[in-house]
Amino acid sequence: MSKHIQRPLILNLASSLCTLMILVGIGPAYAQATDNSPWPTKEWLTSTPEEQGMDSSALAKLVAYGADHNFDSLLVVRHGRIVTEAYYAPYTADIPHEIFSSTKAVTGTLLGMVYTDGVLDRLDHPVLDFFPDRRVANMDDRKKALTVKDLLNMTSGFDWDQGYEGGPQQTMRDMDRSSNWVQFVLDRPMAHPPGEVYNYSNGDADLVSAIITRLTGKPAEDYARQRLFAPLGIADWYWNRDPQGLTIGYGMLFLLPRDMAKIGYLYLHHGEWEGKQLLPTGWADILNHPLVNMHASYDPNQSYSNFFWVFPDKHAYMATGKDGQLIAVFPDLDIVAVTTATKYVKYRALIDGVSSAVKSQAPLPPNPNAAAQLANAISDATVEKSAPVGPVSEIATTISGKTYRFSENQLGLKSLTLFLADARPHVEYELYLDYPTGSSFTSDMPIGLDGFYRKGLPALSGPYPGHIPAVRGTWSNVQTFVIDTRDIGSGTQIKYRLSFDGRKLNIRRIDEEGWELSANGERDP
């Protein structure tokens, strides 16, 4: 892991009317931020919600909502000060959290900085110009017309199946198996002319990362270290590389929640940081961009621009990542909100929960009862809750220490051994890796059998570097042992149902979104 580990608003004569307007989503309530911003480069300032015109009792409800909806963390920043900060056990504040596809917004931010530096001449520059040394398959006039801006808006036109609203995500699976991801993306056939059809694609963000490298001569992470992380005071992160050693543009970036908030704060302040313009003028004003409708079946207003998800009717936009890794920006309210989680966070529930806590531009009177509610909710979040524990099966001793081996399967599982009778209960397993071909990865994780998670050591290599495993297990019946796993700092919670039948073992993997995979193995003689 790399170790590198607001503006006051003017109260106008119509403030009460404007406040009502923003709370119901009619229009902007507050003026833009002024030049008296506190900059959190070294540390964030903190404040009571009431001092920043917010209601502690409403924020206490939001913290409690997080406890009921699998949050790992919740931060709310107003006027440059943290007014609410909660961490949900077993996650803690000092663990960088994988932000999944919120990484795309960081990659896009770096592209903006390359543009600021004058290294990129224009956003409508054809993409293929950056790869003159590559022989690209499926070439046609549509691919030749593809521009950098098309990548930023997810309108590349590539034939790409990523299961945006469900589906097998076949293209991503194929890319993961390839040895050269950039070439894989460039070679994709075109399904549409660029700029016309929104289609969510990790490949678009990965090409942007490759373009940053082509223009700067360094991996995107190294450019970020100099131009983004250092100026913002971000010192603790991990960012994974692809098989070619390029920074992954679409994900695998780990940040502390407080540092995620800094990314949002940079956008809240129009791309400026401590008096220096880091992004081109207008780049960070996402709500003023021409927006691409995402045609989301669940939200006809949801739009897109520069790797951000936009909610025009709510006057908010956010970087979003799988399982609830969100950086939400509310320009009219001078607010940044951050969540990390282990399950999908409803975007509008977060937006409404934050917005409804805003009561005034001016400070509110102290409210001891509401402050106590918020403090109790935050404190309660830090306490891990025990899961039910079933009686130990009579076969526990029989299977303990026995190795089960698996032929090729959906889980990529090669072998598994449970040690349930040991003083230190644990599980050892080996995974097949797609790359390099024929390689594998072995891990050993402790198991809590008392309803509480046991944390393992952070993974320093293998398929999940930066992840901290936490595992608990229980018998659901005499033949079935359920392993509940968390990757602390990853945002994933996966359950494995191990069903034993003589020498045979069936494993069903069920992730936090309900997706199921399975594998069948057999015990060694």
Protein backbone atom coordinates (compact mmCIF):
# COMPACT_ATOMS: atom_id res chain seq x y z
CA MET A 1 0.00 0.00 0.00
CA SER A 2 1.27 3.43 -0.91
CA LYS A 3 2.09 5.67 2.06
CA HIS A 4 2.19 9.22 0.75
CA ILE A 5 -1.36 6.48 4.64
CA GLN A 6 -16.30 26.56 3.43
CA ARG A 7 -17.08 29.15 2.12
CA PRO A 8 -19.59 31.21 4.12
CA LEU A 9 -22.81 31.78 2.23
CA ILE A 10 -24.54 35.14 1.94
CA LEU A 11 -27.93 35.31 3.61
CA ASN A 12 -30.27 37.28 1.36
CA LEU A 13 -33.64 38.82 2.09
CA ALA A 14 -35.44 35.78 0.72
CA SER A 15 -33.46 33.21 2.65
CA SER A 16 -36.42 31.51 4.26
CA LEU A 17 -38.19 31.15 0.91
CA CYS A 18 -35.00 29.87 -0.78
CA THR A 19 -34.47 27.33 1.98
CA LEU A 20 -37.95 25.97 1.40
CA MET A 21 -37.30 25.85 -2.35
CA ILE A 22 -34.14 23.79 -2.09
CA LEU A 23 -35.62 21.36 0.42
CA VAL A 24 -38.41 20.51 -2.00
CA GLY A 25 -36.06 20.45 -4.98
CA ILE A 26 -37.40 23.60 -6.74
CA GLY A 27 -34.21 25.56 -7.10
CA PRO A 28 -30.92 26.72 -5.53
CA ALA A 29 -31.24 28.10 -2.04
CA TYR A 30 -27.79 29.46 -1.39
CA ALA A 31 -25.19 31.54 -3.13
CA GLN A 32 -21.99 29.88 -4.28
CA ALA A 33 -19.10 29.57 -1.85
CA THR A 34 -16.86 32.58 -1.22
CA ASP A 35 -13.10 32.81 -0.84
CA ASN A 36 -13.07 32.30 2.95
CA SER A 37 -13.02 28.53 2.73
CA PRO A 38 -11.19 26.37 5.26
CA TRP A 39 -8.97 24.01 3.28
CA PRO A 40 -8.72 20.47 4.72
CA THR A 41 -5.27 19.81 3.24
CA LYS A 42 -3.73 18.97 6.62
CA GLU A 43 -6.89 18.12 8.53
CA TRP A 44 -10.61 18.62 8.44
CA LEU A 45 -12.26 21.08 10.79
CA THR A 46 -15.27 19.74 12.70
CA SER A 47 -18.43 21.45 13.86
CA THR A 48 -21.80 20.71 15.35
CA PRO A 49 -24.51 20.43 12.70
CA GLU A 50 -26.44 23.30 14.28
CA GLU A 51 -23.47 25.65 13.88
CA GLN A 52 -23.71 25.00 10.15
CA GLY A 53 -27.50 25.28 9.92
CA MET A 54 -28.25 21.55 10.05
CA ASP A 55 -30.42 19.49 12.36
CA SER A 56 -28.63 16.89 14.50
CA SER A 57 -31.76 14.78 14.94
CA ALA A 58 -32.20 14.48 11.16
CA LEU A 59 -28.56 13.45 10.81
CA ALA A 60 -29.00 10.94 13.65
CA LYS A 61 -31.75 9.33 11.56
CA LEU A 62 -29.37 9.21 8.60
CA VAL A 63 -26.69 7.52 10.73
CA ALA A 64 -29.29 5.00 11.94
CA TYR A 65 -30.35 4.44 8.32
CA GLY A 66 -26.73 3.60 7.57
CA ALA A 67 -26.71 1.00 10.37
CA ASP A 68 -29.77 -0.66 8.85
CA HIS A 69 -28.44 -0.51 5.29
CA ASN A 70 -24.92 -1.93 5.57
CA PHE A 71 -22.91 1.30 5.64
CA ASP A 72 -19.22 1.16 6.50
CA SER A 73 -18.94 4.92 6.91
CA LEU A 74 -20.90 8.15 6.57
CA LEU A 75 -19.44 11.67 6.40
CA VAL A 76 -21.30 14.94 5.93
CA VAL A 77 -19.32 18.12 5.35
CA ARG A 78 -20.94 21.56 5.30
CA HIS A 79 -19.20 24.90 4.85
CA GLY A 80 -15.88 23.05 4.93
CA ARG A 81 -16.48 21.36 8.28
CA ILE A 82 -17.35 17.79 9.14
CA VAL A 83 -20.71 17.87 10.89
CA THR A 84 -21.33 14.11 10.99
CA GLU A 85 -18.85 11.25 10.86
CA ALA A 86 -19.80 7.65 11.60
CA TYR A 87 -17.91 4.37 11.19
CA TYR A 88 -19.76 1.07 11.36
CA ALA A 89 -18.07 -1.94 12.95
CA PRO A 90 -16.12 -3.91 12.00
CA TYR A 91 -14.89 -1.14 9.65
CA THR A 92 -12.77 1.61 11.26
CA ALA A 93 -11.70 5.08 10.17
CA ASP A 94 -8.04 4.23 9.58
CA ILE A 95 -8.63 1.63 6.84
CA PRO A 96 -8.49 2.86 3.22
CA HIS A 97 -11.68 1.71 1.52
CA GLU A 98 -11.98 0.42 -2.01
CA ILE A 99 -14.17 2.91 -3.87
CA PHE A 100 -14.86 0.69 -6.89
CA SER A 101 -16.24 2.73 -9.82
CA SER A 102 -15.97 6.02 -7.96
CA THR A 103 -12.40 5.59 -9.17
CA LYS A 104 -13.66 6.62 -12.60
CA ALA A 105 -14.36 10.13 -11.30
CA VAL A 106 -10.78 10.32 -10.02
CA THR A 107 -9.48 9.13 -13.40
CA GLY A 108 -11.60 11.77 -15.11
CA THR A 109 -10.27 14.39 -12.71
CA LEU A 110 -6.71 13.48 -13.70
CA LEU A 111 -7.63 13.82 -17.36
CA GLY A 112 -8.91 17.31 -16.56
CA MET A 113 -5.58 18.12 -14.95
CA VAL A 114 -3.74 16.88 -18.03
CA TYR A 115 -5.95 19.26 -20.00
CA THR A 116 -5.14 22.08 -17.55
CA ASP A 117 -1.45 21.39 -18.01
CA GLY A 118 -1.87 21.84 -21.76
CA VAL A 119 -0.65 18.33 -22.51
CA LEU A 120 -4.06 17.42 -23.94
CA ASP A 121 -5.01 19.96 -26.60
CA ARG A 122 -8.78 19.37 -26.79
CA LEU A 123 -11.47 17.01 -25.53
CA ASP A 124 -12.64 16.17 -29.03
CA HIS A 125 -9.21 14.74 -29.86
CA PRO A 126 -9.61 11.35 -31.60
CA VAL A 127 -8.71 8.49 -29.28
CA LEU A 128 -6.83 6.44 -31.84
CA ASP A 129 -4.30 9.28 -32.27
CA PHE A 130 -2.88 8.30 -28.88
CA PHE A 131 -2.17 4.72 -29.99
CA PRO A 132 -0.41 5.00 -33.38
CA ASP A 133 1.81 2.01 -32.53
CA ARG A 134 -1.08 -0.43 -32.11
CA ARG A 135 -2.82 -2.49 -34.75
CA VAL A 136 -6.50 -2.10 -33.87
CA ALA A 137 -9.09 -4.68 -34.93
CA ASN A 138 -12.61 -3.96 -36.18
CA MET A 139 -11.55 -0.61 -37.59
CA ASP A 140 -14.22 1.55 -39.21
CA ASP A 141 -15.16 5.21 -39.54
CA ARG A 142 -17.08 5.12 -36.27
CA LYS A 143 -14.03 3.98 -34.31
CA LYS A 144 -11.89 6.59 -36.05
CA ALA A 145 -14.36 9.28 -34.90
CA LEU A 146 -14.20 8.24 -31.21
CA THR A 147 -13.03 11.15 -29.00
CA VAL A 148 -11.80 11.60 -25.43
CA LYS A 149 -15.08 13.31 -24.53
CA ASP A 150 -17.02 10.27 -25.70
CA LEU A 151 -15.06 8.13 -23.23
CA LEU A 152 -15.74 10.55 -20.36
CA ASN A 153 -19.47 10.45 -21.07
CA MET A 154 -19.69 6.66 -21.61
CA THR A 155 -20.86 7.19 -25.18
CA SER A 156 -17.92 5.45 -26.87
CA GLY A 157 -20.20 3.27 -28.99
CA PHE A 158 -18.21 0.10 -28.26
CA ASP A 159 -20.06 -3.21 -28.28
CA TRP A 160 -19.85 -3.76 -24.53
CA ASP A 161 -21.93 -5.85 -22.12
CA GLN A 162 -21.36 -4.93 -18.50
CA GLY A 163 -24.77 -5.70 -17.07
CA TYR A 164 -25.55 -2.02 -16.37
CA GLU A 165 -29.08 -3.00 -15.31
CA GLY A 166 -28.43 -6.69 -14.78
CA GLY A 167 -26.92 -9.36 -17.00
CA PRO A 168 -23.83 -11.54 -17.17
CA GLN A 169 -21.23 -8.74 -17.62
CA GLN A 170 -19.66 -10.95 -20.27
CA THR A 171 -17.38 -8.29 -21.75
CA MET A 172 -15.82 -7.55 -18.36
CA ARG A 173 -15.22 -11.26 -17.80
CA ASP A 174 -13.51 -11.50 -21.18
CA MET A 175 -11.36 -8.43 -20.48
CA ASP A 176 -10.27 -9.83 -17.11
CA ARG A 177 -9.02 -12.95 -18.88
CA SER A 178 -7.03 -10.99 -21.46
CA SER A 179 -3.36 -10.17 -20.95
CA ASN A 180 -3.61 -6.66 -22.45
CA TRP A 181 -6.70 -4.76 -21.35
CA VAL A 182 -6.11 -1.61 -23.39
CA GLN A 183 -5.73 -3.64 -26.57
CA PHE A 184 -8.85 -5.60 -25.67
CA VAL A 185 -10.88 -2.37 -25.42
CA LEU A 186 -9.45 -0.83 -28.58
CA ASP A 187 -10.24 -4.02 -30.51
CA ARG A 188 -13.92 -4.10 -29.54
CA PRO A 189 -16.31 -3.78 -32.48
CA MET A 190 -18.48 -0.67 -32.62
CA ALA A 191 -22.18 -1.04 -31.88
CA HIS A 192 -23.10 2.65 -32.32
CA PRO A 193 -21.57 5.85 -33.64
CA PRO A 194 -19.66 7.56 -30.79
CA GLY A 195 -21.47 10.26 -28.87
CA GLU A 196 -24.97 8.92 -29.49
CA VAL A 197 -25.79 6.13 -27.02
CA TYR A 198 -24.96 5.88 -23.31
CA ASN A 199 -23.60 2.47 -22.37
CA TYR A 200 -21.84 1.91 -19.05
CA SER A 201 -18.33 0.55 -19.69
CA ASN A 202 -15.26 0.03 -17.55
CA GLY A 203 -13.32 -0.07 -20.80
CA ASP A 204 -13.97 3.63 -21.45
CA ALA A 205 -12.35 4.62 -18.14
CA ASP A 206 -9.44 2.24 -18.71
CA LEU A 207 -8.70 3.90 -22.04
CA VAL A 208 -8.68 7.31 -20.30
CA SER A 209 -6.05 5.99 -17.87
CA ALA A 210 -3.98 4.72 -20.80
CA ILE A 211 -4.28 8.12 -22.52
CA ILE A 212 -3.04 9.85 -19.36
CA THR A 213 -0.01 7.58 -19.42
CA ARG A 214 0.59 8.25 -23.13
CA LEU A 215 0.44 12.01 -22.54
CA THR A 216 2.43 12.22 -19.28
CA GLY A 217 4.83 9.33 -19.69
CA LYS A 218 3.85 7.87 -16.30
CA PRO A 219 1.09 5.66 -14.86
CA ALA A 220 -2.03 7.59 -13.84
CA GLU A 221 -1.32 6.84 -10.16
CA ASP A 222 2.11 8.50 -10.38
CA TYR A 223 0.56 11.52 -12.06
CA ALA A 224 -2.12 11.57 -9.32
CA ARG A 225 0.55 11.47 -6.63
CA GLN A 226 2.02 14.70 -7.95
CA ARG A 227 -0.96 16.65 -9.26
CA LEU A 228 -3.92 15.51 -7.15
CA PHE A 229 -3.03 13.60 -4.01
CA ALA A 230 -0.15 15.81 -2.84
CA PRO A 231 -2.00 19.15 -3.29
CA LEU A 232 -5.09 17.80 -1.47
CA GLY A 233 -3.03 16.25 1.35
CA ILE A 234 -4.05 12.67 0.49
CA ALA A 235 -1.27 10.52 1.93
CA ASP A 236 -2.72 7.02 2.30
CA TRP A 237 -4.02 5.06 -0.67
CA TYR A 238 -3.63 1.95 -2.76
CA TRP A 239 -4.31 1.79 -6.52
CA ASN A 240 -3.95 -1.47 -8.39
CA ARG A 241 -2.41 -1.99 -11.86
CA ASP A 242 -3.50 -4.05 -14.85
CA PRO A 243 -1.44 -6.91 -16.39
CA GLN A 244 0.58 -4.34 -18.37
CA GLY A 245 1.42 -2.31 -15.27
CA LEU A 246 -0.98 0.53 -16.11
CA THR A 247 -3.13 2.10 -13.41
CA ILE A 248 -6.64 0.65 -13.59
CA GLY A 249 -8.86 3.51 -14.71
CA TYR A 250 -12.22 2.07 -13.69
CA GLY A 251 -11.60 0.89 -10.12
CA MET A 252 -9.32 -0.73 -7.54
CA LEU A 253 -8.49 2.59 -5.83
CA PHE A 254 -8.56 2.58 -2.02
CA LEU A 255 -9.02 5.87 -0.14
CA LEU A 256 -9.89 6.91 3.40
CA PRO A 257 -13.43 8.31 3.63
CA ARG A 258 -12.02 11.69 4.71
CA ASP A 259 -9.91 11.74 1.56
CA MET A 260 -12.91 10.77 -0.57
CA ALA A 261 -14.55 13.90 0.84
CA LYS A 262 -11.57 15.95 -0.37
CA ILE A 263 -12.28 14.87 -3.95
CA GLY A 264 -15.85 16.10 -3.55
CA TYR A 265 -14.64 19.31 -1.92
CA LEU A 266 -12.39 20.03 -4.91
CA TYR A 267 -15.47 19.83 -7.14
CA LEU A 268 -17.59 21.86 -4.74
CA HIS A 269 -14.98 24.61 -5.12
CA HIS A 270 -15.00 24.60 -8.92
CA GLY A 271 -11.69 22.74 -9.22
CA GLU A 272 -9.79 25.18 -7.02
CA TRP A 273 -7.64 24.22 -4.03
CA GLU A 274 -5.89 26.69 -1.73
CA GLY A 275 -6.09 29.45 -4.33
CA LYS A 276 -4.77 27.33 -7.21
CA GLN A 277 -6.96 26.23 -10.10
CA LEU A 278 -6.28 22.50 -10.50
CA LEU A 279 -9.01 21.84 -13.06
CA PRO A 280 -10.02 23.77 -16.19
CA THR A 281 -12.62 26.49 -15.71
CA GLY A 282 -16.06 24.90 -15.74
CA TRP A 283 -14.77 21.32 -15.54
CA ALA A 284 -15.99 20.84 -11.96
CA ASP A 285 -19.35 22.55 -12.48
CA ILE A 286 -20.99 19.27 -13.41
CA LEU A 287 -24.57 20.54 -13.15
CA ASN A 288 -23.83 23.08 -15.88
CA HIS A 289 -22.47 20.49 -18.33
CA PRO A 290 -24.41 19.13 -21.28
CA LEU A 291 -25.71 15.93 -19.73
CA VAL A 292 -26.19 12.47 -21.20
CA ASN A 293 -29.39 10.72 -20.17
CA MET A 294 -28.57 7.29 -18.77
CA HIS A 295 -32.01 5.89 -19.67
CA ALA A 296 -32.12 4.19 -16.28
CA SER A 297 -35.35 2.22 -15.95
CA TYR A 298 -35.53 3.09 -12.26
CA ASP A 299 -34.90 6.85 -12.66
CA PRO A 300 -35.71 8.71 -15.92
CA ASN A 301 -33.91 11.87 -14.70
CA GLN A 302 -30.59 10.18 -13.96
CA SER A 303 -27.85 11.63 -16.18
CA TYR A 304 -24.11 11.43 -16.73
CA SER A 305 -21.10 13.64 -17.40
CA ASN A 306 -17.33 13.22 -17.00
CA PHE A 307 -17.70 9.93 -15.08
CA PHE A 308 -20.18 11.48 -12.59
CA TRP A 309 -23.80 10.43 -12.06
CA VAL A 310 -26.03 13.52 -12.12
CA PHE A 311 -29.44 14.20 -10.55
CA PRO A 312 -30.51 17.52 -12.10
CA ASP A 313 -33.86 17.69 -10.33
CA LYS A 314 -32.08 17.34 -6.97
CA HIS A 315 -29.25 19.76 -7.82
CA ALA A 316 -26.73 17.08 -6.86
CA TYR A 317 -24.20 14.81 -8.52
CA MET A 318 -21.97 12.00 -7.28
CA ALA A 319 -19.17 9.60 -8.00
CA THR A 320 -20.65 6.14 -7.53
CA GLY A 321 -19.06 2.79 -6.89
CA LYS A 322 -20.41 -0.73 -6.49
CA ASP A 323 -22.00 -1.49 -3.14
CA GLY A 324 -22.45 2.10 -2.02
CA GLN A 325 -19.11 3.87 -2.40
CA LEU A 326 -20.40 7.41 -3.01
CA ILE A 327 -19.02 10.95 -3.10
CA ALA A 328 -22.05 13.25 -3.35
CA VAL A 329 -21.77 16.97 -4.05
CA PHE A 330 -24.54 19.48 -3.33
CA PRO A 331 -23.35 22.81 -4.81
CA ASP A 332 -26.43 24.80 -3.73
CA LEU A 333 -26.14 23.58 -0.15
CA ASP A 334 -22.33 23.79 0.12
CA ILE A 335 -22.26 20.12 1.18
CA VAL A 336 -20.20 17.05 0.40
CA ALA A 337 -21.43 13.67 1.65
CA VAL A 338 -19.54 10.38 1.54
CA THR A 339 -20.66 6.81 2.11
CA THR A 340 -18.82 3.52 1.98
CA ALA A 341 -20.90 0.39 2.32
CA THR A 342 -21.26 -3.33 1.70
CA LYS A 343 -24.54 -3.09 -0.17
CA TYR A 344 -26.16 -0.81 -2.74
CA VAL A 345 -27.02 2.60 -1.26
CA LYS A 346 -30.14 4.21 -2.70
CA TYR A 347 -28.87 7.40 -4.27
CA ARG A 348 -31.99 9.47 -3.74
CA ALA A 349 -32.40 8.24 -0.17
CA LEU A 350 -28.94 9.64 0.60
CA ILE A 351 -29.63 12.87 -1.28
CA ASP A 352 -32.96 13.39 0.50
CA GLY A 353 -31.55 12.40 3.90
CA VAL A 354 -28.77 14.98 3.64
CA SER A 355 -30.91 17.72 2.11
CA SER A 356 -33.69 17.35 4.67
CA ALA A 357 -31.19 17.97 7.49
CA VAL A 358 -30.51 21.47 6.13
CA LYS A 359 -32.67 23.98 7.98
CA SER A 360 -30.89 27.28 7.54
CA GLN A 361 -27.95 29.11 6.06
CA ALA A 362 -27.33 30.74 9.41
CA PRO A 363 -26.39 28.85 12.59
CA LEU A 364 -29.21 27.26 14.56
CA PRO A 365 -29.55 27.44 18.33
CA PRO A 366 -27.83 24.58 20.19
CA ASN A 367 -30.06 21.53 20.61
CA PRO A 368 -28.67 19.29 23.40
CA ASN A 369 -31.31 16.59 22.94
CA ALA A 370 -30.70 16.30 19.20
CA ALA A 371 -26.93 16.39 19.74
CA ALA A 372 -27.26 13.48 22.18
CA GLN A 373 -29.31 11.51 19.64
CA LEU A 374 -26.59 11.99 17.02
CA ALA A 375 -23.77 11.13 19.43
CA ASN A 376 -25.56 7.96 20.51
CA ALA A 377 -26.20 6.89 16.91
CA ILE A 378 -22.54 7.41 16.02
CA SER A 379 -21.37 5.55 19.12
CA ASP A 380 -23.76 2.67 18.50
CA ALA A 381 -22.39 2.28 14.96
CA THR A 382 -18.93 1.48 16.32
CA VAL A 383 -20.16 -1.58 18.23
CA GLU A 384 -20.23 -4.84 16.27
CA LYS A 385 -23.49 -6.75 16.58
CA SER A 386 -23.32 -10.51 17.10
CA ALA A 387 -24.91 -12.84 14.55
CA PRO A 388 -26.96 -15.86 15.69
CA VAL A 389 -24.90 -19.01 16.29
CA GLY A 390 -26.34 -22.48 15.69
CA PRO A 391 -25.34 -25.67 17.52
CA VAL A 392 -22.12 -27.35 16.38
CA SER A 393 -22.73 -30.20 13.93
CA GLU A 394 -21.59 -33.71 14.78
CA ILE A 395 -19.60 -33.78 11.52
CA ALA A 396 -17.50 -30.72 12.48
CA THR A 397 -14.66 -32.86 13.83
CA THR A 398 -14.83 -35.24 10.86
CA ILE A 399 -14.36 -32.55 8.22
CA SER A 400 -11.91 -30.42 10.21
CA GLY A 401 -8.44 -30.45 8.69
CA LYS A 402 -9.61 -32.33 5.57
CA THR A 403 -8.82 -30.85 2.15
CA TYR A 404 -11.46 -30.66 -0.58
CA ARG A 405 -10.30 -30.23 -4.17
CA PHE A 406 -12.20 -28.72 -7.09
CA SER A 407 -11.92 -29.00 -10.86
CA GLU A 408 -12.58 -25.88 -12.98
CA ASN A 409 -15.56 -24.02 -11.54
CA GLN A 410 -17.38 -20.67 -11.36
CA LEU A 411 -15.66 -19.71 -8.12
CA GLY A 412 -12.15 -20.26 -9.40
CA LEU A 413 -11.66 -22.44 -6.32
CA LYS A 414 -8.84 -25.01 -6.41
CA SER A 415 -8.88 -26.36 -2.85
CA LEU A 416 -10.36 -25.64 0.58
CA THR A 417 -9.57 -26.84 4.10
CA LEU A 418 -11.55 -25.99 7.24
CA PHE A 419 -9.95 -26.12 10.68
CA LEU A 420 -12.93 -25.96 13.04
CA ALA A 421 -11.54 -28.03 15.91
CA ASP A 422 -8.36 -25.94 16.33
CA ALA A 423 -7.72 -23.44 19.10
CA ARG A 424 -7.61 -20.91 16.24
CA PRO A 425 -10.47 -21.82 13.88
CA HIS A 426 -9.57 -20.88 10.33
CA VAL A 427 -10.00 -21.72 6.65
CA GLU A 428 -7.29 -22.21 4.05
CA TYR A 429 -8.12 -22.02 0.36
CA GLU A 430 -6.41 -21.78 -3.02
CA LEU A 431 -7.79 -19.92 -6.05
CA TYR A 432 -7.01 -20.30 -9.74
CA LEU A 433 -5.92 -16.97 -11.27
CA ASP A 434 -6.82 -15.90 -14.80
CA TYR A 435 -3.47 -14.18 -15.21
CA PRO A 436 -0.74 -15.27 -15.47
CA THR A 437 -2.17 -18.45 -16.95
CA GLY A 438 -1.78 -21.44 -14.64
CA SER A 439 -1.04 -19.37 -11.53
CA SER A 440 -2.89 -19.57 -8.22
CA PHE A 441 -3.28 -17.71 -4.94
CA THR A 442 -3.43 -19.17 -1.41
CA SER A 443 -4.98 -17.55 1.65
CA ASP A 444 -5.52 -18.39 5.31
CA MET A 445 -8.31 -16.62 7.21
CA PRO A 446 -9.45 -16.92 10.84
CA ILE A 447 -13.12 -17.74 11.50
CA GLY A 448 -15.18 -16.43 14.41
CA LEU A 449 -17.50 -19.14 15.70
CA ASP A 450 -19.11 -16.98 18.39
CA GLY A 451 -21.13 -14.67 16.12
CA PHE A 452 -18.35 -12.08 15.74
CA TYR A 453 -15.97 -11.52 12.85
CA ARG A 454 -12.29 -12.37 13.15
CA LYS A 455 -10.00 -10.10 11.13
CA GLY A 456 -7.11 -11.47 9.13
CA LEU A 457 -4.00 -9.67 7.92
CA PRO A 458 -4.19 -7.25 4.98
CA ALA A 459 -3.54 -8.92 1.64
CA LEU A 460 -0.30 -7.62 0.17
CA SER A 461 -0.52 -9.56 -3.09
CA GLY A 462 -2.79 -11.86 -5.05
CA PRO A 463 -6.14 -10.90 -6.58
CA TYR A 464 -7.26 -8.69 -3.69
CA PRO A 465 -4.35 -6.53 -2.52
CA GLY A 466 -5.27 -4.06 0.19
CA HIS A 467 -8.22 -6.12 1.43
CA ILE A 468 -8.54 -7.10 5.10
CA PRO A 469 -10.56 -10.30 5.46
CA ALA A 470 -13.03 -10.75 8.31
CA VAL A 471 -14.89 -14.05 8.72
CA ARG A 472 -17.48 -15.63 10.96
CA GLY A 473 -19.22 -18.98 10.60
CA THR A 474 -22.02 -21.09 12.00
CA TRP A 475 -23.84 -24.35 11.33
CA SER A 476 -27.32 -23.76 9.86
CA ASN A 477 -28.08 -27.49 10.10
CA VAL A 478 -26.16 -30.75 10.58
CA GLN A 479 -24.88 -30.81 7.00
CA THR A 480 -24.46 -27.11 6.22
CA PHE A 481 -21.80 -24.70 7.45
CA VAL A 482 -22.29 -21.03 6.50
CA ILE A 483 -19.25 -18.78 6.18
CA ASP A 484 -19.99 -15.04 6.29
CA THR A 485 -17.05 -13.07 4.88
CA ARG A 486 -16.32 -9.36 4.78
CA ASP A 487 -13.45 -7.70 3.00
CA ILE A 488 -12.94 -4.83 5.42
CA GLY A 489 -12.25 -1.79 3.33
CA SER A 490 -13.57 -3.45 0.21
CA GLY A 491 -17.30 -3.06 0.60
CA THR A 492 -18.08 -6.69 -0.13
CA GLN A 493 -20.00 -9.13 2.04
CA ILE A 494 -20.26 -12.67 0.70
CA LYS A 495 -21.81 -15.78 2.20
CA TYR A 496 -20.68 -19.29 1.36
CA ARG A 497 -23.03 -22.19 2.08
CA LEU A 498 -20.98 -25.38 2.42
CA SER A 499 -23.15 -28.48 2.11
CA PHE A 500 -21.42 -31.75 3.03
CA ASP A 501 -22.55 -35.13 1.73
CA GLY A 502 -20.11 -37.90 2.58
CA ARG A 503 -16.88 -37.10 0.75
CA LYS A 504 -18.55 -34.49 -1.47
CA LEU A 505 -18.85 -30.76 -0.86
CA ASN A 506 -21.07 -28.25 -2.66
CA ILE A 507 -20.31 -24.57 -2.14
CA ARG A 508 -22.78 -21.84 -3.04
CA ARG A 509 -21.42 -18.29 -3.08
CA ILE A 510 -24.03 -15.55 -2.55
CA ASP A 511 -22.82 -11.96 -2.76
CA GLU A 512 -24.33 -8.81 -1.28
CA GLU A 513 -26.40 -8.23 -4.43
CA GLY A 514 -27.86 -11.74 -4.44
CA TRP A 515 -25.73 -13.15 -7.28
CA GLU A 516 -25.03 -16.86 -6.88
CA LEU A 517 -22.17 -19.05 -8.07
CA SER A 518 -21.37 -22.63 -7.11
CA ALA A 519 -18.65 -25.28 -7.12
CA ASN A 520 -18.47 -28.99 -6.36
CA GLY A 521 -15.48 -30.63 -4.72
CA GLU A 522 -14.39 -33.91 -3.22
CA ARG A 523 -12.37 -34.71 -0.10
CA ASP A 524 -8.88 -36.11 -0.37
CA PRO A 525 -8.57 -39.80 0.53
